[in-house]
Structure formats: structure tokens, C-alpha cells
Amino acid sequence: MTTSPITITDTARDHIQNFLKTMGENAGFKLGVKASGCSGFAYVVDIAQQPGENDECIDINNVRVFIDKDSIPMLKGTMVDLKDKGIGQKQLCFNNPNVEDSCGCGESFTVKSED
């Protein structure tokens, strides 16, 4: 059995599944990392009808997840959770053990180098 590169909490799962329900039975939660921001990288989150050409398709906590294969090393060990921001607003957050530093606004991050 292959170990999943990420975990998804029950509250995040419920939030994601609410979006997936409206998109059809093959839809999935798409996650990746791209070069961006003042610290170097940013998470890319989307709902997709099908995996992309470079996506790994994995079932995680009853959520169909499409993870960009090139992003897996930077996401390995990440826990996706849901944060209550008040006034009825919720936001997915990422507890990523690979992050070394993040910018002040929290939108981008740097990863630990593999020495």
C-alpha cells in the first residue's frame, strides 16, 4: 500500500466534498505548488473534472485528490485543514513540514533544502 503524500482532516474533507458534489461524480480536489510570491512558492488549489496529464490521482479520507507529481516532494507530509476565519468564512490551510519560511501575508513560502 502506497502512503499518501498528504492528509486531509475531517472538517476539510467535509468542506471539499461540498464543492465536489456540485461538480459531478468524477470531480476531484486538485492540489499543487507553483513558483510565486515573495517567498518562492504558493499552493495551487482547484476543483477539476478530471486529473491533469501530470497528476497523481489518490483517494484521501474519501476525497478524490489530483496532486501534481512535480509538487509531491514539496507537499509530502502536509495536512490540509479548515480554518474558521469568523463571520461565516472558512479557509483551507496547509500544515506543511517542508516549509522553512513564509511571507508576512502568508500567501507564499520557501521549502527546506535537501542538504
C-alpha atoms as a PDB file:
ATOM      1  CA  MET A   1       0.000   0.000   0.000  1.00  0.00           C
ATOM      2  CA  THR A   2       1.358   3.401  -1.010  1.00  0.00           C
ATOM      3  CA  THR A   3       1.454   6.091   1.655  1.00  0.00           C
ATOM      4  CA  SER A   4      -0.446   9.221   0.714  1.00  0.00           C
ATOM      5  CA  PRO A   5       1.770  12.319   0.430  1.00  0.00           C
ATOM      6  CA  ILE A   6      -0.849  14.433   2.267  1.00  0.00           C
ATOM      7  CA  THR A   7      -3.609  14.013   4.838  1.00  0.00           C
ATOM      8  CA  ILE A   8      -6.970  15.775   4.952  1.00  0.00           C
ATOM      9  CA  THR A   9      -8.767  16.423   8.237  1.00  0.00           C
ATOM     10  CA  ASP A  10     -12.435  15.515   8.579  1.00  0.00           C
ATOM     11  CA  THR A  11     -13.509  19.182   8.626  1.00  0.00           C
ATOM     12  CA  ALA A  12     -11.503  19.944   5.472  1.00  0.00           C
ATOM     13  CA  ARG A  13     -12.902  16.797   3.845  1.00  0.00           C
ATOM     14  CA  ASP A  14     -16.486  17.898   4.524  1.00  0.00           C
ATOM     15  CA  HIS A  15     -15.757  21.366   3.116  1.00  0.00           C
ATOM     16  CA  ILE A  16     -14.123  19.980  -0.030  1.00  0.00           C
ATOM     17  CA  GLN A  17     -16.872  17.388  -0.567  1.00  0.00           C
ATOM     18  CA  ASN A  18     -19.496  20.168  -0.554  1.00  0.00           C
ATOM     19  CA  PHE A  19     -17.771  21.660  -3.607  1.00  0.00           C
ATOM     20  CA  LEU A  20     -17.185  18.297  -5.283  1.00  0.00           C
ATOM     21  CA  LYS A  21     -20.895  17.352  -5.037  1.00  0.00           C
ATOM     22  CA  THR A  22     -21.822  20.157  -7.394  1.00  0.00           C
ATOM     23  CA  MET A  23     -19.182  19.230  -9.979  1.00  0.00           C
ATOM     24  CA  GLY A  24     -20.136  15.649 -10.838  1.00  0.00           C
ATOM     25  CA  GLU A  25     -19.001  12.209  -9.718  1.00  0.00           C
ATOM     26  CA  ASN A  26     -15.545  12.256 -11.350  1.00  0.00           C
ATOM     27  CA  ALA A  27     -14.517  15.659  -9.995  1.00  0.00           C
ATOM     28  CA  GLY A  28     -11.564  15.918  -7.663  1.00  0.00           C
ATOM     29  CA  PHE A  29      -9.679  18.279  -5.383  1.00  0.00           C
ATOM     30  CA  LYS A  30      -6.615  19.472  -7.312  1.00  0.00           C
ATOM     31  CA  LEU A  31      -3.503  20.455  -5.364  1.00  0.00           C
ATOM     32  CA  GLY A  32      -0.088  21.603  -6.470  1.00  0.00           C
ATOM     33  CA  VAL A  33       2.669  24.131  -5.875  1.00  0.00           C
ATOM     34  CA  LYS A  34       3.865  26.837  -8.262  1.00  0.00           C
ATOM     35  CA  ALA A  35       6.694  29.356  -8.232  1.00  0.00           C
ATOM     36  CA  SER A  36       5.120  32.560  -6.978  1.00  0.00           C
ATOM     37  CA  GLY A  37       5.069  35.312  -4.420  1.00  0.00           C
ATOM     38  CA  CYS A  38       7.806  36.959  -2.419  1.00  0.00           C
ATOM     39  CA  SER A  39       8.943  33.743  -0.688  1.00  0.00           C
ATOM     40  CA  GLY A  40       9.178  31.466  -3.705  1.00  0.00           C
ATOM     41  CA  PHE A  41       6.184  29.098  -3.863  1.00  0.00           C
ATOM     42  CA  ALA A  42       2.405  29.177  -3.481  1.00  0.00           C
ATOM     43  CA  TYR A  43      -0.234  26.461  -3.208  1.00  0.00           C
ATOM     44  CA  VAL A  44      -2.476  25.913  -6.217  1.00  0.00           C
ATOM     45  CA  VAL A  45      -5.919  24.670  -5.194  1.00  0.00           C
ATOM     46  CA  ASP A  46      -8.804  23.936  -7.534  1.00  0.00           C
ATOM     47  CA  ILE A  47     -11.693  21.601  -8.258  1.00  0.00           C
ATOM     48  CA  ALA A  48     -11.197  19.701 -11.517  1.00  0.00           C
ATOM     49  CA  GLN A  49     -13.395  17.397 -13.580  1.00  0.00           C
ATOM     50  CA  GLN A  50     -10.516  15.006 -14.195  1.00  0.00           C
ATOM     51  CA  PRO A  51      -6.823  14.682 -13.375  1.00  0.00           C
ATOM     52  CA  GLY A  52      -4.346  16.586 -15.487  1.00  0.00           C
ATOM     53  CA  GLU A  53      -1.656  14.909 -17.554  1.00  0.00           C
ATOM     54  CA  ASN A  54       0.917  15.232 -14.749  1.00  0.00           C
ATOM     55  CA  ASP A  55      -1.442  14.485 -11.825  1.00  0.00           C
ATOM     56  CA  GLU A  56      -1.387  11.580  -9.398  1.00  0.00           C
ATOM     57  CA  CYS A  57      -4.983  10.536  -8.579  1.00  0.00           C
ATOM     58  CA  ILE A  58      -5.344   9.384  -4.942  1.00  0.00           C
ATOM     59  CA  ASP A  59      -8.297   8.772  -2.625  1.00  0.00           C
ATOM     60  CA  ILE A  60      -7.558  10.541   0.684  1.00  0.00           C
ATOM     61  CA  ASN A  61     -10.132  10.457   3.510  1.00  0.00           C
ATOM     62  CA  ASN A  62     -12.899   9.791   0.961  1.00  0.00           C
ATOM     63  CA  VAL A  63     -11.857  12.700  -1.268  1.00  0.00           C
ATOM     64  CA  ARG A  64     -10.642  12.166  -4.818  1.00  0.00           C
ATOM     65  CA  VAL A  65      -7.413  14.179  -4.961  1.00  0.00           C
ATOM     66  CA  PHE A  66      -5.354  15.143  -8.010  1.00  0.00           C
ATOM     67  CA  ILE A  67      -1.806  16.068  -6.967  1.00  0.00           C
ATOM     68  CA  ASP A  68       0.696  17.460  -9.425  1.00  0.00           C
ATOM     69  CA  LYS A  69       3.532  14.875  -9.477  1.00  0.00           C
ATOM     70  CA  ASP A  70       6.217  17.581  -9.557  1.00  0.00           C
ATOM     71  CA  SER A  71       4.732  19.106  -6.372  1.00  0.00           C
ATOM     72  CA  ILE A  72       4.675  15.893  -4.325  1.00  0.00           C
ATOM     73  CA  PRO A  73       8.174  16.360  -2.799  1.00  0.00           C
ATOM     74  CA  MET A  74       7.176  19.835  -1.539  1.00  0.00           C
ATOM     75  CA  LEU A  75       3.805  18.586  -0.246  1.00  0.00           C
ATOM     76  CA  LYS A  76       4.953  15.340   1.392  1.00  0.00           C
ATOM     77  CA  GLY A  77       3.614  15.164   4.961  1.00  0.00           C
ATOM     78  CA  THR A  78       1.254  18.136   4.549  1.00  0.00           C
ATOM     79  CA  MET A  79      -2.002  18.160   6.489  1.00  0.00           C
ATOM     80  CA  VAL A  80      -4.862  20.034   4.818  1.00  0.00           C
ATOM     81  CA  ASP A  81      -7.190  21.532   7.429  1.00  0.00           C
ATOM     82  CA  LEU A  82     -10.007  24.074   7.566  1.00  0.00           C
ATOM     83  CA  LYS A  83      -9.647  27.309   9.499  1.00  0.00           C
ATOM     84  CA  ASP A  84     -12.660  29.317  10.670  1.00  0.00           C
ATOM     85  CA  LYS A  85     -11.932  32.954   9.846  1.00  0.00           C
ATOM     86  CA  GLY A  86     -15.107  34.274  11.516  1.00  0.00           C
ATOM     87  CA  ILE A  87     -18.209  35.879  10.017  1.00  0.00           C
ATOM     88  CA  GLY A  88     -19.064  32.591   8.293  1.00  0.00           C
ATOM     89  CA  GLN A  89     -15.806  32.465   6.339  1.00  0.00           C
ATOM     90  CA  LYS A  90     -13.672  29.348   6.202  1.00  0.00           C
ATOM     91  CA  GLN A  91     -10.311  28.806   4.550  1.00  0.00           C
ATOM     92  CA  LEU A  92      -8.249  25.746   3.746  1.00  0.00           C
ATOM     93  CA  CYS A  93      -4.871  25.851   5.462  1.00  0.00           C
ATOM     94  CA  PHE A  94      -1.776  23.748   4.957  1.00  0.00           C
ATOM     95  CA  ASN A  95       0.407  22.432   7.773  1.00  0.00           C
ATOM     96  CA  ASN A  96       3.434  21.580   5.665  1.00  0.00           C
ATOM     97  CA  PRO A  97       6.546  20.218   7.432  1.00  0.00           C
ATOM     98  CA  ASN A  98       8.652  21.117   4.377  1.00  0.00           C
ATOM     99  CA  VAL A  99       8.093  24.861   4.779  1.00  0.00           C
ATOM    100  CA  GLU A 100      11.108  26.694   6.086  1.00  0.00           C
ATOM    101  CA  ASP A 101       9.710  30.234   5.957  1.00  0.00           C
ATOM    102  CA  SER A 102       6.675  32.103   4.676  1.00  0.00           C
ATOM    103  CA  CYS A 103       5.994  35.687   3.712  1.00  0.00           C
ATOM    104  CA  GLY A 104       4.210  38.090   6.032  1.00  0.00           C
ATOM    105  CA  CYS A 105       0.914  37.847   4.178  1.00  0.00           C
ATOM    106  CA  GLY A 106       1.002  34.035   4.308  1.00  0.00           C
ATOM    107  CA  GLU A 107       0.483  33.604   0.571  1.00  0.00           C
ATOM    108  CA  SER A 108       3.885  32.161  -0.315  1.00  0.00           C
ATOM    109  CA  PHE A 109       6.578  30.029   1.282  1.00  0.00           C
ATOM    110  CA  THR A 110      10.059  28.594   0.900  1.00  0.00           C
ATOM    111  CA  VAL A 111      10.880  24.931   1.367  1.00  0.00           C
ATOM    112  CA  LYS A 112      13.717  23.377   3.315  1.00  0.00           C
ATOM    113  CA  SER A 113      16.652  22.481   1.122  1.00  0.00           C
ATOM    114  CA  GLU A 114      17.748  18.866   0.977  1.00  0.00           C
ATOM    115  CA  ASP A 115      21.376  19.018   2.100  1.00  0.00           C
END
